PDB file of N, CA and C in Angstrom:
ATOM      1  N   MET A   1       1.026  -1.239  -0.067  1.00  0.00           N
ATOM      2  CA  MET A   1      -0.166   0.057  -0.246  1.00  0.00           C
ATOM      3  C   MET A   1       0.980   1.167   0.069  1.00  0.00           C
ATOM      4  N   ILE A   2       0.412   2.159  -0.564  1.00  0.00           N
ATOM      5  CA  ILE A   2       1.258   3.429  -0.740  1.00  0.00           C
ATOM      6  C   ILE A   2       0.368   4.528  -0.023  1.00  0.00           C
ATOM      7  N   SER A   3       1.140   5.239   0.992  1.00  0.00           N
ATOM      8  CA  SER A   3       0.643   6.381   1.712  1.00  0.00           C
ATOM      9  C   SER A   3       1.129   7.526   1.201  1.00  0.00           C
ATOM     10  N   ILE A   4       0.282   8.325   0.966  1.00  0.00           N
ATOM     11  CA  ILE A   4       0.809   9.677   0.394  1.00  0.00           C
ATOM     12  C   ILE A   4      -0.001  10.780   0.982  1.00  0.00           C
ATOM     13  N   PRO A   5       0.971  11.395   2.075  1.00  0.00           N
ATOM     14  CA  PRO A   5       0.368  12.348   2.915  1.00  0.00           C
ATOM     15  C   PRO A   5       0.166  13.733   2.081  1.00  0.00           C
ATOM     16  N   LEU A   6      -0.845  14.668   2.226  1.00  0.00           N
ATOM     17  CA  LEU A   6      -1.170  15.604   1.411  1.00  0.00           C
ATOM     18  C   LEU A   6      -0.099  16.746   1.620  1.00  0.00           C
ATOM     19  N   GLU A   7       0.703  16.722   2.754  1.00  0.00           N
ATOM     20  CA  GLU A   7       1.746  17.665   2.750  1.00  0.00           C
ATOM     21  C   GLU A   7       2.969  17.331   1.761  1.00  0.00           C
ATOM     22  N   LYS A   8       3.031  15.907   1.582  1.00  0.00           N
ATOM     23  CA  LYS A   8       4.302  15.480   0.427  1.00  0.00           C
ATOM     24  C   LYS A   8       3.672  15.971  -0.855  1.00  0.00           C
ATOM     25  N   LEU A   9       2.464  15.821  -1.170  1.00  0.00           N
ATOM     26  CA  LEU A   9       2.062  16.023  -2.425  1.00  0.00           C
ATOM     27  C   LEU A   9       2.118  17.594  -2.718  1.00  0.00           C
ATOM     28  N   GLY A  10       2.168  18.412  -1.719  1.00  0.00           N
ATOM     29  CA  GLY A  10       2.374  19.882  -1.926  1.00  0.00           C
ATOM     30  C   GLY A  10       0.711  20.595  -2.244  1.00  0.00           C
ATOM     31  N   ILE A  11      -0.224  19.677  -1.678  1.00  0.00           N
ATOM     32  CA  ILE A  11      -1.619  20.289  -2.160  1.00  0.00           C
ATOM     33  C   ILE A  11      -1.814  21.451  -1.686  1.00  0.00           C
ATOM     34  N   VAL A  12      -1.186  21.912  -0.384  1.00  0.00           N
ATOM     35  CA  VAL A  12      -1.504  23.269   0.196  1.00  0.00           C
ATOM     36  C   VAL A  12      -0.790  24.303  -0.539  1.00  0.00           C
ATOM     37  N   ALA A  13       0.139  23.903  -1.405  1.00  0.00           N
ATOM     38  CA  ALA A  13       1.021  24.888  -2.230  1.00  0.00           C
ATOM     39  C   ALA A  13       0.303  25.292  -3.336  1.00  0.00           C
ATOM     40  N   THR A  14       0.480  26.434  -3.848  1.00  0.00           N
ATOM     41  CA  THR A  14       0.038  27.016  -5.095  1.00  0.00           C
ATOM     42  C   THR A  14       0.790  26.798  -6.299  1.00  0.00           C
ATOM     43  N   ALA A  15       0.248  26.483  -7.455  1.00  0.00           N
ATOM     44  CA  ALA A  15       1.231  26.406  -8.666  1.00  0.00           C
ATOM     45  C   ALA A  15       1.640  27.661  -9.178  1.00  0.00           C
ATOM     46  N   HIS A  16       2.852  28.118  -9.820  1.00  0.00           N
ATOM     47  CA  HIS A  16       3.079  29.211 -10.457  1.00  0.00           C
ATOM     48  C   HIS A  16       2.277  29.663 -11.720  1.00  0.00           C
ATOM     49  N   HIS A  17       1.710  30.655 -11.708  1.00  0.00           N
ATOM     50  CA  HIS A  17       0.810  31.128 -13.109  1.00  0.00           C
ATOM     51  C   HIS A  17       1.319  30.952 -14.263  1.00  0.00           C
ATOM     52  N   THR A  18       2.748  30.909 -14.249  1.00  0.00           N
ATOM     53  CA  THR A  18       3.678  30.867 -15.508  1.00  0.00           C
ATOM     54  C   THR A  18       3.647  29.661 -16.063  1.00  0.00           C
ATOM     55  N   LEU A  19       2.946  28.659 -15.361  1.00  0.00           N
ATOM     56  CA  LEU A  19       3.106  27.255 -15.904  1.00  0.00           C
ATOM     57  C   LEU A  19       1.573  27.121 -16.721  1.00  0.00           C
ATOM     58  N   GLY A  20       1.678  26.213 -17.686  1.00  0.00           N
ATOM     59  CA  GLY A  20       0.391  25.768 -18.247  1.00  0.00           C
ATOM     60  C   GLY A  20      -0.087  26.490 -19.433  1.00  0.00           C
ATOM     61  N   GLN A  21      -1.067  26.193 -20.025  1.00  0.00           N
ATOM     62  CA  GLN A  21      -1.871  27.003 -21.137  1.00  0.00           C
ATOM     63  C   GLN A  21      -3.290  27.034 -20.672  1.00  0.00           C
ATOM     64  N   ALA A  22      -3.931  28.269 -20.954  1.00  0.00           N
ATOM     65  CA  ALA A  22      -5.235  28.454 -20.664  1.00  0.00           C
ATOM     66  C   ALA A  22      -6.021  27.680 -21.446  1.00  0.00           C
ATOM     67  N   GLU A  23      -7.137  27.075 -20.993  1.00  0.00           N
ATOM     68  CA  GLU A  23      -8.196  26.391 -21.499  1.00  0.00           C
ATOM     69  C   GLU A  23      -9.718  26.675 -20.935  1.00  0.00           C
ATOM     70  N   GLY A  24     -10.159  27.631 -21.489  1.00  0.00           N
ATOM     71  CA  GLY A  24     -11.472  28.020 -20.650  1.00  0.00           C
ATOM     72  C   GLY A  24     -11.042  28.737 -19.466  1.00  0.00           C
ATOM     73  N   ASN A  25     -11.792  27.869 -18.448  1.00  0.00           N
ATOM     74  CA  ASN A  25     -11.484  28.360 -17.257  1.00  0.00           C
ATOM     75  C   ASN A  25     -10.862  27.705 -16.330  1.00  0.00           C
ATOM     76  N   ARG A  26     -10.101  26.817 -17.207  1.00  0.00           N
ATOM     77  CA  ARG A  26      -8.930  25.935 -16.421  1.00  0.00           C
ATOM     78  C   ARG A  26      -7.618  26.047 -17.210  1.00  0.00           C
ATOM     79  N   MET A  27      -6.579  25.629 -16.283  1.00  0.00           N
ATOM     80  CA  MET A  27      -5.379  25.663 -16.758  1.00  0.00           C
ATOM     81  C   MET A  27      -4.717  24.406 -16.958  1.00  0.00           C
ATOM     82  N   SER A  28      -3.942  24.007 -18.010  1.00  0.00           N
ATOM     83  CA  SER A  28      -3.609  22.748 -18.189  1.00  0.00           C
ATOM     84  C   SER A  28      -1.863  22.825 -17.924  1.00  0.00           C
ATOM     85  N   THR A  29      -1.399  21.991 -17.326  1.00  0.00           N
ATOM     86  CA  THR A  29      -0.095  22.141 -17.064  1.00  0.00           C
ATOM     87  C   THR A  29       0.607  20.780 -17.290  1.00  0.00           C
ATOM     88  N   SER A  30       1.850  20.602 -17.918  1.00  0.00           N
ATOM     89  CA  SER A  30       2.497  19.301 -18.277  1.00  0.00           C
ATOM     90  C   SER A  30       2.792  18.621 -16.990  1.00  0.00           C
ATOM     91  N   ARG A  31       2.965  17.292 -17.268  1.00  0.00           N
ATOM     92  CA  ARG A  31       3.356  16.340 -16.364  1.00  0.00           C
ATOM     93  C   ARG A  31       4.731  16.708 -15.672  1.00  0.00           C
ATOM     94  N   SER A  32       5.514  17.042 -16.587  1.00  0.00           N
ATOM     95  CA  SER A  32       6.805  17.138 -15.979  1.00  0.00           C
ATOM     96  C   SER A  32       7.075  18.342 -14.979  1.00  0.00           C
ATOM     97  N   ASP A  33       5.980  19.562 -15.404  1.00  0.00           N
ATOM     98  CA  ASP A  33       6.083  20.669 -14.378  1.00  0.00           C
ATOM     99  C   ASP A  33       5.415  20.373 -13.115  1.00  0.00           C
ATOM    100  N   ILE A  34       4.549  19.332 -13.237  1.00  0.00           N
ATOM    101  CA  ILE A  34       3.975  18.924 -11.864  1.00  0.00           C
ATOM    102  C   ILE A  34       4.709  18.087 -11.006  1.00  0.00           C
ATOM    103  N   GLU A  35       5.573  17.374 -11.682  1.00  0.00           N
ATOM    104  CA  GLU A  35       6.565  16.252 -11.098  1.00  0.00           C
ATOM    105  C   GLU A  35       7.499  17.194 -10.462  1.00  0.00           C
ATOM    106  N   ARG A  36       7.819  18.131 -11.241  1.00  0.00           N
ATOM    107  CA  ARG A  36       9.106  18.943 -10.581  1.00  0.00           C
ATOM    108  C   ARG A  36       8.531  19.655  -9.165  1.00  0.00           C
ATOM    109  N   LEU A  37       7.460  20.342  -9.477  1.00  0.00           N
ATOM    110  CA  LEU A  37       6.863  21.173  -8.287  1.00  0.00           C
ATOM    111  C   LEU A  37       6.053  20.422  -7.128  1.00  0.00           C
ATOM    112  N   TYR A  38       5.657  19.501  -7.536  1.00  0.00           N
ATOM    113  CA  TYR A  38       4.539  18.900  -6.665  1.00  0.00           C
ATOM    114  C   TYR A  38       5.074  17.367  -6.231  1.00  0.00           C
ATOM    115  N   LEU A  39       5.610  16.726  -7.057  1.00  0.00           N
ATOM    116  CA  LEU A  39       5.948  15.303  -6.731  1.00  0.00           C
ATOM    117  C   LEU A  39       7.592  15.190  -6.477  1.00  0.00           C
ATOM    118  N   PRO A  40       7.927  15.300  -5.265  1.00  0.00           N
ATOM    119  CA  PRO A  40       9.491  15.038  -5.201  1.00  0.00           C
ATOM    120  C   PRO A  40       9.627  13.509  -5.018  1.00  0.00           C
ATOM    121  N   ASP A  41       8.757  12.787  -4.891  1.00  0.00           N
ATOM    122  CA  ASP A  41       9.130  11.378  -4.784  1.00  0.00           C
ATOM    123  C   ASP A  41       8.662  10.565  -6.200  1.00  0.00           C
ATOM    124  N   PRO A  42       9.641  10.049  -6.984  1.00  0.00           N
ATOM    125  CA  PRO A  42       9.191   9.354  -8.242  1.00  0.00           C
ATOM    126  C   PRO A  42       8.185   8.541  -8.057  1.00  0.00           C
ATOM    127  N   LEU A  43       8.165   7.776  -7.195  1.00  0.00           N
ATOM    128  CA  LEU A  43       7.140   6.766  -6.952  1.00  0.00           C
ATOM    129  C   LEU A  43       5.718   7.473  -7.451  1.00  0.00           C
ATOM    130  N   LEU A  44       5.548   8.675  -6.944  1.00  0.00           N
ATOM    131  CA  LEU A  44       4.160   9.219  -6.944  1.00  0.00           C
ATOM    132  C   LEU A  44       3.833   9.451  -8.520  1.00  0.00           C
ATOM    133  N   ASN A  45       4.885   9.528  -9.614  1.00  0.00           N
ATOM    134  CA  ASN A  45       4.477   9.734 -10.917  1.00  0.00           C
ATOM    135  C   ASN A  45       4.075   8.335 -11.395  1.00  0.00           C
ATOM    136  N   GLU A  46       4.253   7.238 -10.769  1.00  0.00           N
ATOM    137  CA  GLU A  46       3.865   5.916 -11.159  1.00  0.00           C
ATOM    138  C   GLU A  46       2.180   5.847 -10.842  1.00  0.00           C
ATOM    139  N   VAL A  47       1.897   6.503  -9.731  1.00  0.00           N
ATOM    140  CA  VAL A  47       0.611   6.474  -9.148  1.00  0.00           C
ATOM    141  C   VAL A  47      -0.335   7.265 -10.286  1.00  0.00           C
ATOM    142  N   LEU A  48       0.259   8.449 -10.592  1.00  0.00           N
ATOM    143  CA  LEU A  48      -0.466   9.268 -11.429  1.00  0.00           C
ATOM    144  C   LEU A  48      -0.443   8.901 -12.919  1.00  0.00           C
ATOM    145  N   LYS A  49       0.371   8.031 -13.290  1.00  0.00           N
ATOM    146  CA  LYS A  49       0.529   7.788 -14.594  1.00  0.00           C
ATOM    147  C   LYS A  49      -0.924   7.868 -15.576  1.00  0.00           C
ATOM    148  N   ALA A  50      -1.645   6.897 -14.924  1.00  0.00           N
ATOM    149  CA  ALA A  50      -2.972   6.826 -15.723  1.00  0.00           C
ATOM    150  C   ALA A  50      -3.932   8.198 -15.655  1.00  0.00           C
ATOM    151  N   SER A  51      -3.651   9.041 -14.659  1.00  0.00           N
ATOM    152  CA  SER A  51      -4.629  10.023 -14.626  1.00  0.00           C
ATOM    153  C   SER A  51      -4.113  11.393 -15.495  1.00  0.00           C
ATOM    154  N   THR A  52      -5.202  12.196 -15.669  1.00  0.00           N
ATOM    155  CA  THR A  52      -4.851  13.422 -16.299  1.00  0.00           C
ATOM    156  C   THR A  52      -4.975  14.517 -15.360  1.00  0.00           C
ATOM    157  N   LEU A  53      -3.992  15.110 -15.241  1.00  0.00           N
ATOM    158  CA  LEU A  53      -3.579  16.322 -14.336  1.00  0.00           C
ATOM    159  C   LEU A  53      -4.237  17.636 -14.807  1.00  0.00           C
ATOM    160  N   ARG A  54      -5.156  18.059 -13.909  1.00  0.00           N
ATOM    161  CA  ARG A  54      -5.518  19.492 -14.470  1.00  0.00           C
ATOM    162  C   ARG A  54      -5.558  20.589 -13.565  1.00  0.00           C
ATOM    163  N   ARG A  55      -5.216  21.932 -13.773  1.00  0.00           N
ATOM    164  CA  ARG A  55      -5.214  23.128 -12.925  1.00  0.00           C
ATOM    165  C   ARG A  55      -6.400  23.690 -12.834  1.00  0.00           C
ATOM    166  N   PHE A  56      -6.765  24.093 -11.515  1.00  0.00           N
ATOM    167  CA  PHE A  56      -8.090  24.820 -11.414  1.00  0.00           C
ATOM    168  C   PHE A  56      -7.649  26.349 -10.734  1.00  0.00           C
ATOM    169  N   LYS A  57      -8.256  27.149 -10.692  1.00  0.00           N
ATOM    170  CA  LYS A  57      -8.311  28.558 -10.267  1.00  0.00           C
ATOM    171  C   LYS A  57      -9.514  28.562  -9.318  1.00  0.00           C
ATOM    172  N   HIS A  58      -9.136  28.988  -8.292  1.00  0.00           N
ATOM    173  CA  HIS A  58     -10.105  29.238  -7.139  1.00  0.00           C
ATOM    174  C   HIS A  58     -10.530  30.566  -7.522  1.00  0.00           C
ATOM    175  N   LYS A  59     -11.758  30.852  -7.730  1.00  0.00           N
ATOM    176  CA  LYS A  59     -12.645  32.075  -8.275  1.00  0.00           C
ATOM    177  C   LYS A  59     -12.468  33.070  -7.213  1.00  0.00           C
ATOM    178  N   LYS A  60     -12.516  32.673  -6.040  1.00  0.00           N
ATOM    179  CA  LYS A  60     -12.599  34.047  -5.009  1.00  0.00           C
ATOM    180  C   LYS A  60     -11.157  34.314  -4.537  1.00  0.00           C
ATOM    181  N   ARG A  61     -10.104  33.579  -4.345  1.00  0.00           N
ATOM    182  CA  ARG A  61      -8.929  33.774  -3.984  1.00  0.00           C
ATOM    183  C   ARG A  61      -7.982  34.001  -5.351  1.00  0.00           C
ATOM    184  N   GLY A  62      -8.181  33.466  -6.168  1.00  0.00           N
ATOM    185  CA  GLY A  62      -7.293  33.799  -7.541  1.00  0.00           C
ATOM    186  C   GLY A  62      -6.135  32.713  -7.429  1.00  0.00           C
ATOM    187  N   THR A  63      -6.092  31.582  -6.523  1.00  0.00           N
ATOM    188  CA  THR A  63      -4.944  30.956  -6.371  1.00  0.00           C
ATOM    189  C   THR A  63      -5.238  29.787  -7.250  1.00  0.00           C
ATOM    190  N   SER A  64      -4.009  28.954  -7.841  1.00  0.00           N
ATOM    191  CA  SER A  64      -4.272  27.918  -8.905  1.00  0.00           C
ATOM    192  C   SER A  64      -3.868  26.624  -7.856  1.00  0.00           C
ATOM    193  N   TYR A  65      -4.542  25.626  -8.349  1.00  0.00           N
ATOM    194  CA  TYR A  65      -4.181  24.280  -7.466  1.00  0.00           C
ATOM    195  C   TYR A  65      -4.396  22.944  -8.953  1.00  0.00           C
ATOM    196  N   VAL A  66      -3.703  21.869  -8.445  1.00  0.00           N
ATOM    197  CA  VAL A  66      -3.496  20.963  -9.255  1.00  0.00           C
ATOM    198  C   VAL A  66      -4.431  19.822  -8.715  1.00  0.00           C
ATOM    199  N   GLU A  67      -5.402  19.317  -9.416  1.00  0.00           N
ATOM    200  CA  GLU A  67      -6.240  18.350  -9.136  1.00  0.00           C
ATOM    201  C   GLU A  67      -5.173  16.853  -9.298  1.00  0.00           C
ATOM    202  N   LEU A  68      -5.035  16.174  -8.200  1.00  0.00           N
ATOM    203  CA  LEU A  68      -4.052  14.909  -8.407  1.00  0.00           C
ATOM    204  C   LEU A  68      -4.941  13.650  -8.588  1.00  0.00           C
ATOM    205  N   GLY A  69      -6.367  13.787  -8.206  1.00  0.00           N
ATOM    206  CA  GLY A  69      -7.142  12.477  -8.399  1.00  0.00           C
ATOM    207  C   GLY A  69      -8.307  12.694  -7.482  1.00  0.00           C
ATOM    208  N   ARG A  70      -9.264  11.932  -7.648  1.00  0.00           N
ATOM    209  CA  ARG A  70     -10.573  11.857  -6.919  1.00  0.00           C
ATOM    210  C   ARG A  70     -10.460  10.468  -6.032  1.00  0.00           C
ATOM    211  N   GLY A  71     -10.923  10.662  -4.688  1.00  0.00           N
ATOM    212  CA  GLY A  71     -10.989   9.583  -4.065  1.00  0.00           C
ATOM    213  C   GLY A  71     -12.383   9.436  -3.219  1.00  0.00           C
ATOM    214  N   GLU A  72     -12.297   8.458  -2.662  1.00  0.00           N
ATOM    215  CA  GLU A  72     -13.358   8.099  -1.598  1.00  0.00           C
ATOM    216  C   GLU A  72     -13.059   8.247  -0.119  1.00  0.00           C
ATOM    217  N   LEU A  73     -13.911   9.132   0.493  1.00  0.00           N
ATOM    218  CA  LEU A  73     -13.491   9.254   1.925  1.00  0.00           C
ATOM    219  C   LEU A  73     -13.953   7.992   2.667  1.00  0.00           C
ATOM    220  N   GLN A  74     -13.273   7.653   3.463  1.00  0.00           N
ATOM    221  CA  GLN A  74     -13.714   6.666   4.448  1.00  0.00           C
ATOM    222  C   GLN A  74     -13.406   7.059   5.746  1.00  0.00           C
ATOM    223  N   ALA A  75     -14.528   7.323   6.645  1.00  0.00           N
ATOM    224  CA  ALA A  75     -14.259   7.935   7.939  1.00  0.00           C
ATOM    225  C   ALA A  75     -15.376   7.658   8.889  1.00  0.00           C
ATOM    226  N   GLU A  76     -14.970   7.323  10.280  1.00  0.00           N
ATOM    227  CA  GLU A  76     -15.827   7.077  11.007  1.00  0.00           C
ATOM    228  C   GLU A  76     -16.816   7.961  11.755  1.00  0.00           C
ATOM    229  N   LYS A  77     -16.091   9.160  11.754  1.00  0.00           N
ATOM    230  CA  LYS A  77     -16.528  10.431  12.417  1.00  0.00           C
ATOM    231  C   LYS A  77     -16.668  11.257  10.999  1.00  0.00           C
ATOM    232  N   PRO A  78     -17.683  12.207  11.253  1.00  0.00           N
ATOM    233  CA  PRO A  78     -17.749  13.265   9.900  1.00  0.00           C
ATOM    234  C   PRO A  78     -16.331  14.266  10.128  1.00  0.00           C
ATOM    235  N   ILE A  79     -15.873  14.748   9.147  1.00  0.00           N
ATOM    236  CA  ILE A  79     -14.609  15.552   9.144  1.00  0.00           C
ATOM    237  C   ILE A  79     -15.320  16.912   9.149  1.00  0.00           C
ATOM    238  N   GLN A  80     -14.281  17.816   9.473  1.00  0.00           N
ATOM    239  CA  GLN A  80     -14.723  19.495   9.388  1.00  0.00           C
ATOM    240  C   GLN A  80     -13.617  20.020   8.749  1.00  0.00           C
ATOM    241  N   GLU A  81     -13.739  21.402   8.382  1.00  0.00           N
ATOM    242  CA  GLU A  81     -12.658  22.157   7.648  1.00  0.00           C
ATOM    243  C   GLU A  81     -11.620  22.064   8.504  1.00  0.00           C
ATOM    244  N   GLY A  82     -10.381  22.185   7.989  1.00  0.00           N
ATOM    245  CA  GLY A  82      -9.152  22.158   8.919  1.00  0.00           C
ATOM    246  C   GLY A  82      -8.510  20.679   9.231  1.00  0.00           C
ATOM    247  N   ASP A  83      -9.309  19.886   9.078  1.00  0.00           N
ATOM    248  CA  ASP A  83      -9.077  18.286   9.488  1.00  0.00           C
ATOM    249  C   ASP A  83      -7.809  18.044   8.699  1.00  0.00           C
ATOM    250  N   HIS A  84      -7.088  17.302   9.132  1.00  0.00           N
ATOM    251  CA  HIS A  84      -5.987  16.714   8.445  1.00  0.00           C
ATOM    252  C   HIS A  84      -6.329  15.150   7.876  1.00  0.00           C
ATOM    253  N   LEU A  85      -5.953  15.041   6.585  1.00  0.00           N
ATOM    254  CA  LEU A  85      -6.366  13.929   5.913  1.00  0.00           C
ATOM    255  C   LEU A  85      -5.077  12.945   5.300  1.00  0.00           C
ATOM    256  N   VAL A  86      -5.135  11.856   4.946  1.00  0.00           N
ATOM    257  CA  VAL A  86      -4.312  11.182   4.368  1.00  0.00           C
ATOM    258  C   VAL A  86      -4.849  10.726   3.146  1.00  0.00           C
ATOM    259  N   VAL A  87      -4.225  10.978   2.063  1.00  0.00           N
ATOM    260  CA  VAL A  87      -4.624  10.392   0.708  1.00  0.00           C
ATOM    261  C   VAL A  87      -3.782   9.195   0.346  1.00  0.00           C
ATOM    262  N   TYR A  88      -4.444   8.084   0.264  1.00  0.00           N
ATOM    263  CA  TYR A  88      -3.470   6.781  -0.372  1.00  0.00           C
ATOM    264  C   TYR A  88      -4.288   6.148  -1.362  1.00  0.00           C
ATOM    265  N   VAL A  89      -3.396   5.124  -2.047  1.00  0.00           N
ATOM    266  CA  VAL A  89      -3.915   4.543  -3.062  1.00  0.00           C
ATOM    267  C   VAL A  89      -3.813   2.969  -2.936  1.00  0.00           C
ATOM    268  N   GLY A  90      -4.846   2.100  -3.071  1.00  0.00           N
ATOM    269  CA  GLY A  90      -4.886   0.667  -3.078  1.00  0.00           C
ATOM    270  C   GLY A  90      -4.061   0.174  -4.304  1.00  0.00           C
ATOM    271  N   SER A  91      -3.738  -1.043  -4.230  1.00  0.00           N
ATOM    272  CA  SER A  91      -3.003  -1.827  -5.082  1.00  0.00           C
ATOM    273  C   SER A  91      -3.892  -1.782  -6.442  1.00  0.00           C
ATOM    274  N   ASP A  92      -5.235  -1.623  -6.315  1.00  0.00           N
ATOM    275  CA  ASP A  92      -5.981  -1.672  -7.626  1.00  0.00           C
ATOM    276  C   ASP A  92      -6.222  -0.110  -8.138  1.00  0.00           C
ATOM    277  N   GLY A  93      -5.495   0.850  -7.584  1.00  0.00           N
ATOM    278  CA  GLY A  93      -5.267   2.082  -8.023  1.00  0.00           C
ATOM    279  C   GLY A  93      -6.665   3.117  -7.366  1.00  0.00           C
ATOM    280  N   LYS A  94      -7.226   2.497  -6.897  1.00  0.00           N
ATOM    281  CA  LYS A  94      -8.329   3.467  -6.138  1.00  0.00           C
ATOM    282  C   LYS A  94      -7.812   4.488  -5.106  1.00  0.00           C
ATOM    283  N   ILE A  95      -8.365   5.756  -5.103  1.00  0.00           N
ATOM    284  CA  ILE A  95      -7.670   6.444  -4.201  1.00  0.00           C
ATOM    285  C   ILE A  95      -8.732   6.902  -3.180  1.00  0.00           C
ATOM    286  N   TRP A  96      -8.031   6.831  -2.110  1.00  0.00           N
ATOM    287  CA  TRP A  96      -8.884   6.798  -0.678  1.00  0.00           C
ATOM    288  C   TRP A  96      -8.450   8.193   0.002  1.00  0.00           C
ATOM    289  N   VAL A  97      -9.413   8.772   0.850  1.00  0.00           N
ATOM    290  CA  VAL A  97      -8.870   9.773   1.822  1.00  0.00           C
ATOM    291  C   VAL A  97      -9.532   9.389   3.055  1.00  0.00           C
ATOM    292  N   ARG A  98      -8.528   9.539   4.210  1.00  0.00           N
ATOM    293  CA  ARG A  98      -9.116   9.103   5.706  1.00  0.00           C
ATOM    294  C   ARG A  98      -8.417  10.277   6.471  1.00  0.00           C
ATOM    295  N   PRO A  99      -9.171  10.769   7.627  1.00  0.00           N
ATOM    296  CA  PRO A  99      -8.504  11.357   8.653  1.00  0.00           C
ATOM    297  C   PRO A  99      -7.141  10.874   9.110  1.00  0.00           C
ATOM    298  N   VAL A 100      -6.258  11.582   9.606  1.00  0.00           N
ATOM    299  CA  VAL A 100      -4.970  11.095   9.776  1.00  0.00           C
ATOM    300  C   VAL A 100      -5.069  10.295  11.148  1.00  0.00           C
ATOM    301  N   ALA A 101      -5.977  10.674  12.224  1.00  0.00           N
ATOM    302  CA  ALA A 101      -6.110   9.861  13.317  1.00  0.00           C
ATOM    303  C   ALA A 101      -6.660   8.522  13.147  1.00  0.00           C
ATOM    304  N   GLU A 102      -7.516   8.341  12.044  1.00  0.00           N
ATOM    305  CA  GLU A 102      -7.931   6.928  11.757  1.00  0.00           C
ATOM    306  C   GLU A 102      -6.972   6.198  11.042  1.00  0.00           C
ATOM    307  N   PHE A 103      -6.036   6.667  10.316  1.00  0.00           N
ATOM    308  CA  PHE A 103      -4.964   6.107   9.445  1.00  0.00           C
ATOM    309  C   PHE A 103      -3.886   5.625  10.450  1.00  0.00           C
ATOM    310  N   ASP A 104      -3.449   6.474  11.414  1.00  0.00           N
ATOM    311  CA  ASP A 104      -2.687   6.207  12.308  1.00  0.00           C
ATOM    312  C   ASP A 104      -3.024   5.589  13.682  1.00  0.00           C
ATOM    313  N   ASP A 105      -4.251   4.871  13.577  1.00  0.00           N
ATOM    314  CA  ASP A 105      -4.837   4.538  15.086  1.00  0.00           C
ATOM    315  C   ASP A 105      -4.489   2.844  15.052  1.00  0.00           C
ATOM    316  N   GLY A 106      -3.886   2.287  14.137  1.00  0.00           N
ATOM    317  CA  GLY A 106      -3.389   0.896  14.142  1.00  0.00           C
ATOM    318  C   GLY A 106      -4.114  -0.089  13.232  1.00  0.00           C
ATOM    319  N   ARG A 107      -5.030   0.844  12.368  1.00  0.00           N
ATOM    320  CA  ARG A 107      -5.760  -0.228  11.483  1.00  0.00           C
ATOM    321  C   ARG A 107      -4.991  -0.479  10.177  1.00  0.00           C
ATOM    322  N   PHE A 108      -3.802   0.379  10.008  1.00  0.00           N
ATOM    323  CA  PHE A 108      -2.795  -0.010   8.931  1.00  0.00           C
ATOM    324  C   PHE A 108      -1.635  -0.044   9.762  1.00  0.00           C
ATOM    325  N   GLU A 109      -0.800  -1.126   9.199  1.00  0.00           N
ATOM    326  CA  GLU A 109       0.813  -1.069   9.703  1.00  0.00           C
ATOM    327  C   GLU A 109       1.649  -1.061   8.573  1.00  0.00           C
ATOM    328  N   PRO A 110       2.896  -0.313   8.907  1.00  0.00           N
ATOM    329  CA  PRO A 110       3.807  -0.171   7.815  1.00  0.00           C
ATOM    330  C   PRO A 110       4.190  -1.687   7.028  1.00  0.00           C
ATOM    331  N   GLU A 111       4.478  -1.429   6.135  1.00  0.00           N
ATOM    332  CA  GLU A 111       5.379  -2.415   5.342  1.00  0.00           C
ATOM    333  C   GLU A 111       6.760  -1.695   4.948  1.00  0.00           C
ATOM    334  N   SER A 112       7.335  -2.755   4.076  1.00  0.00           N
ATOM    335  CA  SER A 112       8.781  -2.109   3.690  1.00  0.00           C
ATOM    336  C   SER A 112       8.593  -0.839   2.978  1.00  0.00           C
ATOM    337  N   PRO A 113       9.540  -0.002   3.051  1.00  0.00           N
ATOM    338  CA  PRO A 113       9.520   1.238   2.104  1.00  0.00           C
ATOM    339  C   PRO A 113       9.241   0.811   0.687  1.00  0.00           C
ATOM    340  N   VAL A 114       8.580   1.642  -0.121  1.00  0.00           N
ATOM    341  CA  VAL A 114       8.221   1.473  -1.641  1.00  0.00           C
ATOM    342  C   VAL A 114       9.115   2.241  -2.361  1.00  0.00           C
TER     343      VAL A 114
END
């Protein structure tokens, strides 16, 4: 199993506006730019190979973001704004999102590094 903390993916970071090409209300960014800016771990490139990376601009703030994928939330308790989450991918390629406290509570055990 691959564990991908949000911080490692740089989700809280914004992209540079000089990257990509305008496509209507979206920005398209090359995979190499995303890898360089957001994906320090080469393994993450493998996870995202089949996906199409897209940039979005937050209408109110004007900040740019890269969609890394869409996942299914698995949580025992409702989550709130500001909660820390873990994004992880199963061997079948399905993306999951779970609160950090639940991910770290013992239901997952570390395997050898990937």
